[in-house]
C-alpha atoms as a PDB file:
ATOM      1  CA  UNK A   1     -28.851   2.596 -32.362  1.00  0.00           C
ATOM      2  CA  UNK A   2     -31.681   0.523 -33.849  1.00  0.00           C
ATOM      3  CA  UNK A   3     -33.716   1.798 -36.789  1.00  0.00           C
ATOM      4  CA  UNK A   4     -36.644   0.245 -38.583  1.00  0.00           C
ATOM      5  CA  UNK A   5     -35.945  -0.160 -42.274  1.00  0.00           C
ATOM      6  CA  UNK A   6     -38.216  -2.104 -44.620  1.00  0.00           C
ATOM      7  CA  UNK A   7     -39.844  -3.797 -41.637  1.00  0.00           C
ATOM      8  CA  UNK A   8     -36.603  -5.231 -40.204  1.00  0.00           C
ATOM      9  CA  UNK A   9     -34.270  -4.052 -37.483  1.00  0.00           C
ATOM     10  CA  UNK A  10     -31.062  -2.527 -38.776  1.00  0.00           C
ATOM     11  CA  UNK A  11     -28.114  -1.828 -36.530  1.00  0.00           C
ATOM     12  CA  UNK A  12     -26.082   1.212 -37.430  1.00  0.00           C
ATOM     13  CA  UNK A  13     -22.548   0.885 -36.139  1.00  0.00           C
ATOM     14  CA  UNK A  14     -19.845   3.460 -36.426  1.00  0.00           C
ATOM     15  CA  UNK A  15     -21.687   6.738 -36.241  1.00  0.00           C
ATOM     16  CA  UNK A  16     -19.753   7.586 -33.100  1.00  0.00           C
ATOM     17  CA  UNK A  17     -16.568   7.204 -35.124  1.00  0.00           C
ATOM     18  CA  UNK A  18     -17.265  10.530 -36.774  1.00  0.00           C
ATOM     19  CA  UNK A  19     -16.800  12.257 -33.429  1.00  0.00           C
ATOM     20  CA  UNK A  20     -14.024   9.905 -32.359  1.00  0.00           C
ATOM     21  CA  UNK A  21     -12.177  10.478 -35.629  1.00  0.00           C
ATOM     22  CA  UNK A  22     -10.666  13.706 -34.431  1.00  0.00           C
ATOM     23  CA  UNK A  23      -9.066  12.052 -31.423  1.00  0.00           C
ATOM     24  CA  UNK A  24      -7.882   8.928 -33.262  1.00  0.00           C
ATOM     25  CA  UNK A  25      -6.545  10.655 -36.350  1.00  0.00           C
ATOM     26  CA  UNK A  26      -9.229   9.091 -38.541  1.00  0.00           C
ATOM     27  CA  UNK A  27     -10.566  11.982 -40.532  1.00  0.00           C
ATOM     28  CA  UNK A  28     -11.299  10.228 -43.772  1.00  0.00           C
ATOM     29  CA  UNK A  29     -11.804   6.664 -44.928  1.00  0.00           C
ATOM     30  CA  UNK A  30      -9.340   6.316 -47.727  1.00  0.00           C
ATOM     31  CA  UNK A  31      -6.934   3.991 -49.433  1.00  0.00           C
ATOM     32  CA  UNK A  32      -4.118   4.508 -46.910  1.00  0.00           C
ATOM     33  CA  UNK A  33      -3.462   1.477 -44.695  1.00  0.00           C
ATOM     34  CA  UNK A  34      -4.158   1.895 -40.984  1.00  0.00           C
ATOM     35  CA  UNK A  35      -3.230  -0.236 -37.985  1.00  0.00           C
ATOM     36  CA  UNK A  36      -5.983  -2.803 -37.402  1.00  0.00           C
ATOM     37  CA  UNK A  37      -6.324  -5.091 -34.403  1.00  0.00           C
ATOM     38  CA  UNK A  38      -9.552  -7.059 -34.298  1.00  0.00           C
ATOM     39  CA  UNK A  39      -9.785  -9.530 -31.451  1.00  0.00           C
ATOM     40  CA  UNK A  40     -13.543  -9.833 -30.970  1.00  0.00           C
ATOM     41  CA  UNK A  41     -14.825 -13.410 -31.036  1.00  0.00           C
ATOM     42  CA  UNK A  42     -18.132 -12.674 -32.786  1.00  0.00           C
ATOM     43  CA  UNK A  43     -18.763 -11.045 -36.150  1.00  0.00           C
ATOM     44  CA  UNK A  44     -21.030  -8.387 -34.649  1.00  0.00           C
ATOM     45  CA  UNK A  45     -18.347  -7.300 -32.173  1.00  0.00           C
ATOM     46  CA  UNK A  46     -15.632  -7.540 -34.846  1.00  0.00           C
ATOM     47  CA  UNK A  47     -17.606  -5.238 -37.160  1.00  0.00           C
ATOM     48  CA  UNK A  48     -17.893  -2.734 -34.309  1.00  0.00           C
ATOM     49  CA  UNK A  49     -14.122  -2.891 -33.774  1.00  0.00           C
ATOM     50  CA  UNK A  50     -13.543  -2.455 -37.512  1.00  0.00           C
ATOM     51  CA  UNK A  51     -15.792   0.600 -37.513  1.00  0.00           C
ATOM     52  CA  UNK A  52     -13.986   2.133 -34.559  1.00  0.00           C
ATOM     53  CA  UNK A  53     -10.554   1.539 -36.070  1.00  0.00           C
ATOM     54  CA  UNK A  54     -11.248   2.603 -39.660  1.00  0.00           C
ATOM     55  CA  UNK A  55     -13.950   5.256 -39.355  1.00  0.00           C
ATOM     56  CA  UNK A  56     -16.313   3.267 -41.570  1.00  0.00           C
ATOM     57  CA  UNK A  57     -20.014   3.402 -40.830  1.00  0.00           C
ATOM     58  CA  UNK A  58     -21.164  -0.217 -40.917  1.00  0.00           C
ATOM     59  CA  UNK A  59     -24.838  -1.147 -41.308  1.00  0.00           C
ATOM     60  CA  UNK A  60     -26.415  -4.571 -41.183  1.00  0.00           C
ATOM     61  CA  UNK A  61     -29.683  -6.243 -40.307  1.00  0.00           C
ATOM     62  CA  UNK A  62     -29.367  -7.795 -36.896  1.00  0.00           C
ATOM     63  CA  UNK A  63     -31.243 -10.872 -38.106  1.00  0.00           C
ATOM     64  CA  UNK A  64     -28.610 -11.407 -40.826  1.00  0.00           C
ATOM     65  CA  UNK A  65     -25.594 -11.384 -38.511  1.00  0.00           C
ATOM     66  CA  UNK A  66     -26.026 -14.216 -36.036  1.00  0.00           C
ATOM     67  CA  UNK A  67     -24.542 -13.328 -32.676  1.00  0.00           C
ATOM     68  CA  UNK A  68     -22.752 -16.670 -32.579  1.00  0.00           C
ATOM     69  CA  UNK A  69     -21.065 -16.198 -35.993  1.00  0.00           C
ATOM     70  CA  UNK A  70     -17.355 -16.422 -35.250  1.00  0.00           C
ATOM     71  CA  UNK A  71     -14.977 -13.742 -36.502  1.00  0.00           C
ATOM     72  CA  UNK A  72     -11.316 -14.214 -37.322  1.00  0.00           C
ATOM     73  CA  UNK A  73      -8.631 -12.255 -35.515  1.00  0.00           C
ATOM     74  CA  UNK A  74      -7.064  -9.623 -37.703  1.00  0.00           C
ATOM     75  CA  UNK A  75      -3.912  -7.667 -36.971  1.00  0.00           C
ATOM     76  CA  UNK A  76      -1.683  -5.565 -39.179  1.00  0.00           C
ATOM     77  CA  UNK A  77      -1.854  -2.592 -41.525  1.00  0.00           C
ATOM     78  CA  UNK A  78      -4.800  -2.718 -43.911  1.00  0.00           C
ATOM     79  CA  UNK A  79      -6.907  -0.353 -45.949  1.00  0.00           C
ATOM     80  CA  UNK A  80     -10.473  -0.257 -44.642  1.00  0.00           C
ATOM     81  CA  UNK A  81     -11.649  -2.240 -47.696  1.00  0.00           C
ATOM     82  CA  UNK A  82      -8.908  -4.882 -47.341  1.00  0.00           C
ATOM     83  CA  UNK A  83      -9.639  -5.333 -43.625  1.00  0.00           C
ATOM     84  CA  UNK A  84     -13.353  -5.698 -44.340  1.00  0.00           C
ATOM     85  CA  UNK A  85     -12.703  -8.226 -47.098  1.00  0.00           C
ATOM     86  CA  UNK A  86     -10.404 -10.254 -44.845  1.00  0.00           C
ATOM     87  CA  UNK A  87     -12.831 -10.116 -41.915  1.00  0.00           C
ATOM     88  CA  UNK A  88     -15.742 -11.382 -44.031  1.00  0.00           C
ATOM     89  CA  UNK A  89     -13.769 -14.075 -45.878  1.00  0.00           C
ATOM     90  CA  UNK A  90     -15.537 -17.467 -45.613  1.00  0.00           C
ATOM     91  CA  UNK A  91     -18.271 -15.978 -43.387  1.00  0.00           C
ATOM     92  CA  UNK A  92     -21.117 -16.237 -45.879  1.00  0.00           C
ATOM     93  CA  UNK A  93     -21.456 -12.440 -45.709  1.00  0.00           C
ATOM     94  CA  UNK A  94     -20.824  -9.851 -48.385  1.00  0.00           C
ATOM     95  CA  UNK A  95     -20.436  -6.095 -48.375  1.00  0.00           C
ATOM     96  CA  UNK A  96     -21.528  -3.199 -50.553  1.00  0.00           C
ATOM     97  CA  UNK A  97     -20.344   0.385 -50.175  1.00  0.00           C
ATOM     98  CA  UNK A  98     -23.360   2.693 -49.973  1.00  0.00           C
ATOM     99  CA  UNK A  99     -21.087   5.749 -50.156  1.00  0.00           C
ATOM    100  CA  UNK A 100     -17.433   6.538 -49.392  1.00  0.00           C
ATOM    101  CA  UNK A 101     -17.845   6.059 -45.628  1.00  0.00           C
ATOM    102  CA  UNK A 102     -20.764   3.649 -45.296  1.00  0.00           C
ATOM    103  CA  UNK A 103     -20.780  -0.058 -45.971  1.00  0.00           C
ATOM    104  CA  UNK A 104     -23.717  -2.465 -45.817  1.00  0.00           C
ATOM    105  CA  UNK A 105     -23.141  -6.058 -44.684  1.00  0.00           C
ATOM    106  CA  UNK A 106     -25.560  -8.820 -45.688  1.00  0.00           C
ATOM    107  CA  UNK A 107     -25.630 -12.543 -46.405  1.00  0.00           C
ATOM    108  CA  UNK A 108     -23.891 -13.270 -49.686  1.00  0.00           C
ATOM    109  CA  UNK A 109     -26.464 -12.746 -52.414  1.00  0.00           C
ATOM    110  CA  UNK A 110     -27.060 -15.226 -55.145  1.00  0.00           C
ATOM    111  CA  UNK A 111     -25.106 -14.335 -58.236  1.00  0.00           C
ATOM    112  CA  UNK A 112     -26.909 -11.622 -60.163  1.00  0.00           C
ATOM    113  CA  UNK A 113     -29.212 -10.632 -57.269  1.00  0.00           C
ATOM    114  CA  UNK A 114     -28.833  -7.049 -56.027  1.00  0.00           C
ATOM    115  CA  UNK A 115     -27.241  -6.524 -52.612  1.00  0.00           C
ATOM    116  CA  UNK A 116     -29.917  -5.654 -49.989  1.00  0.00           C
ATOM    117  CA  UNK A 117     -28.559  -2.095 -49.561  1.00  0.00           C
ATOM    118  CA  UNK A 118     -28.942  -1.487 -53.280  1.00  0.00           C
ATOM    119  CA  UNK A 119     -32.443  -2.987 -53.317  1.00  0.00           C
ATOM    120  CA  UNK A 120     -33.472  -0.851 -50.329  1.00  0.00           C
ATOM    121  CA  UNK A 121     -32.210   2.303 -52.054  1.00  0.00           C
ATOM    122  CA  UNK A 122     -34.143   1.422 -55.183  1.00  0.00           C
ATOM    123  CA  UNK A 123     -37.333   0.851 -53.163  1.00  0.00           C
ATOM    124  CA  UNK A 124     -36.998   4.244 -51.435  1.00  0.00           C
ATOM    125  CA  UNK A 125     -36.650   6.089 -54.738  1.00  0.00           C
ATOM    126  CA  UNK A 126     -40.024   4.870 -56.004  1.00  0.00           C
END
């Protein structure tokens, strides 16, 4: 699904996980470790796999996540947050939880600059 937000394309990944959660046993994104197996070669595909396996809703601007950005393989038992942190390590990307189930991915912000998801929320409230 593509949505227009602040003039840029934003890909929303993981919304189907809400429906799939019942069949996979993922009913809530919480601190309990779950089995993770991420084998996708690109970061975009790896984020989709992470969403499917953890139940997280992952949002990012398609322009920010280059399709050729390589993703590491990840296998084991991780909390959703730990898997996300490991997946993004050394990628130049950062994450910010928008709520308990939704995480925004963006290029690592300069120290002290608000994460794009936070800035977008602030702009909408004006």
